[in-house]
Amino acid sequence: LYEDAIAEFTAACDEEADQQSANFLLAQCHFDLQQMEKAVTQFKTALESAEDNSDLANHIQYRLGLSFEALGQPAKAALHFQKISERVDLFPDIALRLQHLA
């Protein structure tokens, strides 16, 4: 099922109409499959096209933090979590995550 979704989202990434969503969803598939290196690469691609401080950009930063945390790279995880640390409305666990990484 994920493999089919990855194929579809990869194809959609080449279409300008919905690249941003396709890149995010492709990254999420890799994340869900625990393919963290691929997830990081795709989340970074999605972040390039997201508007600064948009909800999507904030969610991408959060997912990047989770991905780096899973990869055992706490400094990189903390960097991404710090960028959204004031958005407790979207990420109520952000302060705890930052505390845990310190």
N, C-alpha and C. Protein backbone atom coordinates (compact mmCIF):
# COMPACT_ATOMS: atom_id res chain seq x y z
N LEU A 1 0.83 -1.20 0.00
CA LEU A 1 0.00 0.00 0.00
C LEU A 1 0.87 1.26 0.00
N TYR A 2 1.88 1.29 0.90
CA TYR A 2 2.77 2.45 0.95
C TYR A 2 3.56 2.57 -0.35
N GLU A 3 3.96 1.43 -0.91
CA GLU A 3 4.74 1.47 -2.13
C GLU A 3 3.94 2.12 -3.27
N ASP A 4 2.65 1.81 -3.33
CA ASP A 4 1.78 2.43 -4.34
C ASP A 4 1.67 3.93 -4.10
N ALA A 5 1.51 4.31 -2.84
CA ALA A 5 1.40 5.73 -2.51
C ALA A 5 2.70 6.46 -2.85
N ILE A 6 3.83 5.84 -2.54
CA ILE A 6 5.12 6.45 -2.85
C ILE A 6 5.26 6.67 -4.35
N ALA A 7 4.86 5.69 -5.14
CA ALA A 7 4.91 5.84 -6.61
C ALA A 7 4.02 6.98 -7.08
N GLU A 8 2.82 7.07 -6.54
CA GLU A 8 1.89 8.14 -6.93
C GLU A 8 2.41 9.52 -6.52
N PHE A 9 2.90 9.64 -5.29
CA PHE A 9 3.40 10.93 -4.81
C PHE A 9 4.67 11.34 -5.53
N THR A 10 5.50 10.35 -5.89
CA THR A 10 6.71 10.66 -6.64
C THR A 10 6.34 11.25 -7.99
N ALA A 11 5.37 10.66 -8.64
CA ALA A 11 4.91 11.19 -9.93
C ALA A 11 4.31 12.58 -9.76
N ALA A 12 3.55 12.79 -8.70
CA ALA A 12 2.92 14.09 -8.44
C ALA A 12 3.95 15.16 -8.12
N CYS A 13 5.09 14.78 -7.60
CA CYS A 13 6.14 15.75 -7.29
C CYS A 13 6.66 16.44 -8.55
N ASP A 14 6.51 15.78 -9.69
CA ASP A 14 6.96 16.36 -10.96
C ASP A 14 5.93 17.31 -11.56
N GLU A 15 4.72 17.31 -11.02
CA GLU A 15 3.67 18.20 -11.50
C GLU A 15 3.67 19.46 -10.66
N GLU A 16 3.70 20.60 -11.29
CA GLU A 16 3.80 21.86 -10.57
C GLU A 16 2.56 22.19 -9.75
N ALA A 17 1.42 21.68 -10.13
CA ALA A 17 0.16 22.06 -9.50
C ALA A 17 0.13 21.75 -8.01
N ASP A 18 0.66 20.62 -7.61
CA ASP A 18 0.53 20.23 -6.21
C ASP A 18 1.82 19.63 -5.66
N GLN A 19 2.95 20.18 -6.07
CA GLN A 19 4.24 19.67 -5.63
C GLN A 19 4.40 19.71 -4.12
N GLN A 20 3.99 20.80 -3.52
CA GLN A 20 4.19 20.98 -2.09
C GLN A 20 3.52 19.86 -1.29
N SER A 21 2.27 19.62 -1.56
CA SER A 21 1.54 18.55 -0.85
C SER A 21 2.11 17.18 -1.18
N ALA A 22 2.45 16.97 -2.44
CA ALA A 22 2.99 15.67 -2.84
C ALA A 22 4.32 15.40 -2.14
N ASN A 23 5.18 16.40 -2.07
CA ASN A 23 6.46 16.23 -1.37
C ASN A 23 6.25 15.93 0.10
N PHE A 24 5.32 16.64 0.73
CA PHE A 24 5.04 16.40 2.14
C PHE A 24 4.50 14.99 2.36
N LEU A 25 3.55 14.59 1.54
CA LEU A 25 2.93 13.27 1.71
C LEU A 25 3.92 12.15 1.38
N LEU A 26 4.79 12.37 0.41
CA LEU A 26 5.83 11.40 0.10
C LEU A 26 6.77 11.25 1.29
N ALA A 27 7.17 12.37 1.86
CA ALA A 27 8.02 12.34 3.05
C ALA A 27 7.34 11.61 4.19
N GLN A 28 6.04 11.85 4.36
CA GLN A 28 5.30 11.20 5.44
C GLN A 28 5.25 9.69 5.24
N CYS A 29 5.13 9.24 3.99
CA CYS A 29 5.15 7.80 3.72
C CYS A 29 6.49 7.20 4.15
N HIS A 30 7.58 7.86 3.77
CA HIS A 30 8.91 7.38 4.17
C HIS A 30 9.04 7.39 5.70
N PHE A 31 8.52 8.43 6.33
CA PHE A 31 8.56 8.52 7.79
C PHE A 31 7.81 7.34 8.41
N ASP A 32 6.61 7.07 7.92
CA ASP A 32 5.79 5.99 8.47
C ASP A 32 6.44 4.62 8.27
N LEU A 33 7.24 4.50 7.20
CA LEU A 33 7.95 3.25 6.93
C LEU A 33 9.30 3.19 7.64
N GLN A 34 9.58 4.19 8.48
CA GLN A 34 10.84 4.27 9.22
C GLN A 34 12.05 4.42 8.29
N GLN A 35 11.83 5.00 7.12
CA GLN A 35 12.91 5.30 6.18
C GLN A 35 13.31 6.76 6.40
N MET A 36 13.98 6.99 7.52
CA MET A 36 14.19 8.35 8.00
C MET A 36 15.10 9.19 7.10
N GLU A 37 16.12 8.59 6.50
CA GLU A 37 16.98 9.37 5.61
C GLU A 37 16.18 9.91 4.42
N LYS A 38 15.35 9.03 3.85
CA LYS A 38 14.51 9.45 2.73
C LYS A 38 13.48 10.48 3.19
N ALA A 39 12.94 10.28 4.38
CA ALA A 39 11.96 11.22 4.92
C ALA A 39 12.58 12.60 5.08
N VAL A 40 13.79 12.66 5.64
CA VAL A 40 14.46 13.94 5.83
C VAL A 40 14.67 14.65 4.50
N THR A 41 15.16 13.92 3.52
CA THR A 41 15.39 14.52 2.20
C THR A 41 14.10 15.09 1.63
N GLN A 42 13.02 14.34 1.73
CA GLN A 42 11.76 14.78 1.14
C GLN A 42 11.13 15.90 1.96
N PHE A 43 11.23 15.85 3.29
CA PHE A 43 10.71 16.95 4.11
C PHE A 43 11.45 18.24 3.78
N LYS A 44 12.76 18.16 3.57
CA LYS A 44 13.53 19.36 3.21
C LYS A 44 13.08 19.92 1.88
N THR A 45 12.79 19.05 0.93
CA THR A 45 12.28 19.49 -0.37
C THR A 45 10.94 20.18 -0.20
N ALA A 46 10.07 19.60 0.62
CA ALA A 46 8.75 20.20 0.86
C ALA A 46 8.90 21.55 1.56
N LEU A 47 9.85 21.66 2.47
CA LEU A 47 10.05 22.90 3.21
C LEU A 47 10.49 24.04 2.30
N GLU A 48 11.25 23.71 1.26
CA GLU A 48 11.73 24.74 0.32
C GLU A 48 10.57 25.48 -0.35
N SER A 49 9.46 24.79 -0.55
CA SER A 49 8.34 25.43 -1.25
C SER A 49 7.25 25.92 -0.30
N ALA A 50 7.41 25.67 0.99
CA ALA A 50 6.40 26.11 1.97
C ALA A 50 6.67 27.56 2.38
N GLU A 51 5.60 28.30 2.59
CA GLU A 51 5.74 29.68 3.06
C GLU A 51 6.24 29.67 4.50
N ASP A 52 7.17 30.58 4.81
CA ASP A 52 7.70 30.68 6.17
C ASP A 52 6.57 30.84 7.17
N ASN A 53 6.66 30.14 8.26
CA ASN A 53 5.71 30.20 9.38
C ASN A 53 4.29 29.80 9.02
N SER A 54 4.10 29.19 7.86
CA SER A 54 2.77 28.65 7.56
C SER A 54 2.58 27.39 8.40
N ASP A 55 1.34 26.97 8.55
CA ASP A 55 1.09 25.74 9.31
C ASP A 55 1.84 24.56 8.68
N LEU A 56 1.87 24.52 7.34
CA LEU A 56 2.58 23.43 6.67
C LEU A 56 4.07 23.47 6.99
N ALA A 57 4.68 24.64 6.92
CA ALA A 57 6.11 24.77 7.24
C ALA A 57 6.37 24.34 8.68
N ASN A 58 5.49 24.72 9.58
CA ASN A 58 5.65 24.32 10.98
C ASN A 58 5.54 22.81 11.16
N HIS A 59 4.61 22.20 10.46
CA HIS A 59 4.46 20.74 10.53
C HIS A 59 5.68 20.05 9.94
N ILE A 60 6.22 20.60 8.88
CA ILE A 60 7.43 20.02 8.28
C ILE A 60 8.59 20.12 9.26
N GLN A 61 8.74 21.28 9.90
CA GLN A 61 9.81 21.43 10.90
C GLN A 61 9.67 20.39 12.01
N TYR A 62 8.44 20.17 12.45
CA TYR A 62 8.18 19.19 13.51
C TYR A 62 8.58 17.79 13.04
N ARG A 63 8.16 17.44 11.83
CA ARG A 63 8.48 16.11 11.30
C ARG A 63 9.98 15.95 11.08
N LEU A 64 10.65 17.02 10.67
CA LEU A 64 12.11 16.96 10.56
C LEU A 64 12.73 16.70 11.92
N GLY A 65 12.23 17.37 12.95
CA GLY A 65 12.72 17.12 14.29
C GLY A 65 12.53 15.68 14.71
N LEU A 66 11.34 15.14 14.47
CA LEU A 66 11.08 13.75 14.81
C LEU A 66 11.99 12.80 14.03
N SER A 67 12.21 13.12 12.77
CA SER A 67 13.06 12.27 11.93
C SER A 67 14.50 12.26 12.45
N PHE A 68 15.03 13.45 12.74
CA PHE A 68 16.39 13.51 13.26
C PHE A 68 16.49 12.86 14.64
N GLU A 69 15.44 12.98 15.42
CA GLU A 69 15.42 12.32 16.72
C GLU A 69 15.52 10.80 16.53
N ALA A 70 14.75 10.27 15.58
CA ALA A 70 14.77 8.84 15.31
C ALA A 70 16.11 8.38 14.75
N LEU A 71 16.80 9.28 14.05
CA LEU A 71 18.12 8.96 13.50
C LEU A 71 19.24 9.09 14.55
N GLY A 72 18.88 9.47 15.76
CA GLY A 72 19.88 9.62 16.81
C GLY A 72 20.73 10.87 16.64
N GLN A 73 20.13 11.92 16.08
CA GLN A 73 20.83 13.19 15.88
C GLN A 73 20.12 14.29 16.67
N PRO A 74 20.30 14.30 17.99
CA PRO A 74 19.55 15.20 18.85
C PRO A 74 19.79 16.69 18.57
N ALA A 75 21.00 17.07 18.19
CA ALA A 75 21.27 18.49 17.93
C ALA A 75 20.45 18.98 16.73
N LYS A 76 20.38 18.17 15.69
CA LYS A 76 19.59 18.55 14.52
C LYS A 76 18.10 18.53 14.85
N ALA A 77 17.67 17.57 15.64
CA ALA A 77 16.27 17.50 16.06
C ALA A 77 15.91 18.76 16.84
N ALA A 78 16.76 19.13 17.79
CA ALA A 78 16.49 20.31 18.62
C ALA A 78 16.44 21.57 17.77
N LEU A 79 17.29 21.67 16.77
CA LEU A 79 17.28 22.83 15.88
C LEU A 79 15.92 23.01 15.22
N HIS A 80 15.35 21.94 14.73
CA HIS A 80 14.04 22.03 14.06
C HIS A 80 12.91 22.25 15.06
N PHE A 81 13.00 21.62 16.22
CA PHE A 81 11.98 21.84 17.25
C PHE A 81 12.03 23.28 17.76
N GLN A 82 13.22 23.83 17.87
CA GLN A 82 13.37 25.20 18.37
C GLN A 82 12.67 26.20 17.44
N LYS A 83 12.71 25.94 16.16
CA LYS A 83 12.10 26.84 15.18
C LYS A 83 10.59 26.96 15.35
N ILE A 84 9.99 25.97 16.00
CA ILE A 84 8.53 25.98 16.19
C ILE A 84 8.15 25.98 17.67
N SER A 85 9.10 26.31 18.51
CA SER A 85 8.89 26.19 19.96
C SER A 85 7.76 27.07 20.49
N GLU A 86 7.43 28.14 19.79
CA GLU A 86 6.35 29.02 20.24
C GLU A 86 4.98 28.57 19.76
N ARG A 87 4.93 27.53 18.97
CA ARG A 87 3.66 27.06 18.41
C ARG A 87 3.08 25.91 19.23
N VAL A 88 2.93 26.14 20.53
CA VAL A 88 2.38 25.10 21.40
C VAL A 88 0.93 24.78 21.05
N ASP A 89 0.27 25.70 20.34
CA ASP A 89 -1.10 25.43 19.90
C ASP A 89 -1.12 24.26 18.92
N LEU A 90 -0.09 24.14 18.10
CA LEU A 90 0.00 23.03 17.14
C LEU A 90 0.75 21.83 17.71
N PHE A 91 1.71 22.09 18.58
CA PHE A 91 2.60 21.04 19.08
C PHE A 91 2.72 21.13 20.60
N PRO A 92 1.73 20.63 21.32
CA PRO A 92 1.73 20.78 22.78
C PRO A 92 2.89 20.07 23.47
N ASP A 93 3.55 19.14 22.78
CA ASP A 93 4.66 18.41 23.39
C ASP A 93 6.02 19.03 23.08
N ILE A 94 6.05 20.17 22.41
CA ILE A 94 7.32 20.71 21.92
C ILE A 94 8.28 21.07 23.06
N ALA A 95 7.80 21.66 24.13
CA ALA A 95 8.68 22.02 25.25
C ALA A 95 9.29 20.78 25.88
N LEU A 96 8.49 19.74 26.03
CA LEU A 96 8.98 18.49 26.60
C LEU A 96 10.03 17.85 25.70
N ARG A 97 9.80 17.89 24.42
CA ARG A 97 10.77 17.32 23.47
C ARG A 97 12.10 18.08 23.55
N LEU A 98 12.03 19.39 23.59
CA LEU A 98 13.25 20.20 23.68
C LEU A 98 13.96 19.93 25.00
N GLN A 99 13.22 19.80 26.06
CA GLN A 99 13.82 19.52 27.38
C GLN A 99 14.53 18.17 27.37
N HIS A 100 13.89 17.19 26.74
CA HIS A 100 14.44 15.85 26.65
C HIS A 100 15.74 15.84 25.84
N LEU A 101 15.83 16.69 24.82
CA LEU A 101 17.02 16.73 23.97
C LEU A 101 18.16 17.55 24.53
N ALA A 102 17.87 18.38 25.54
CA ALA A 102 18.90 19.26 26.09
C ALA A 102 19.93 18.52 26.91
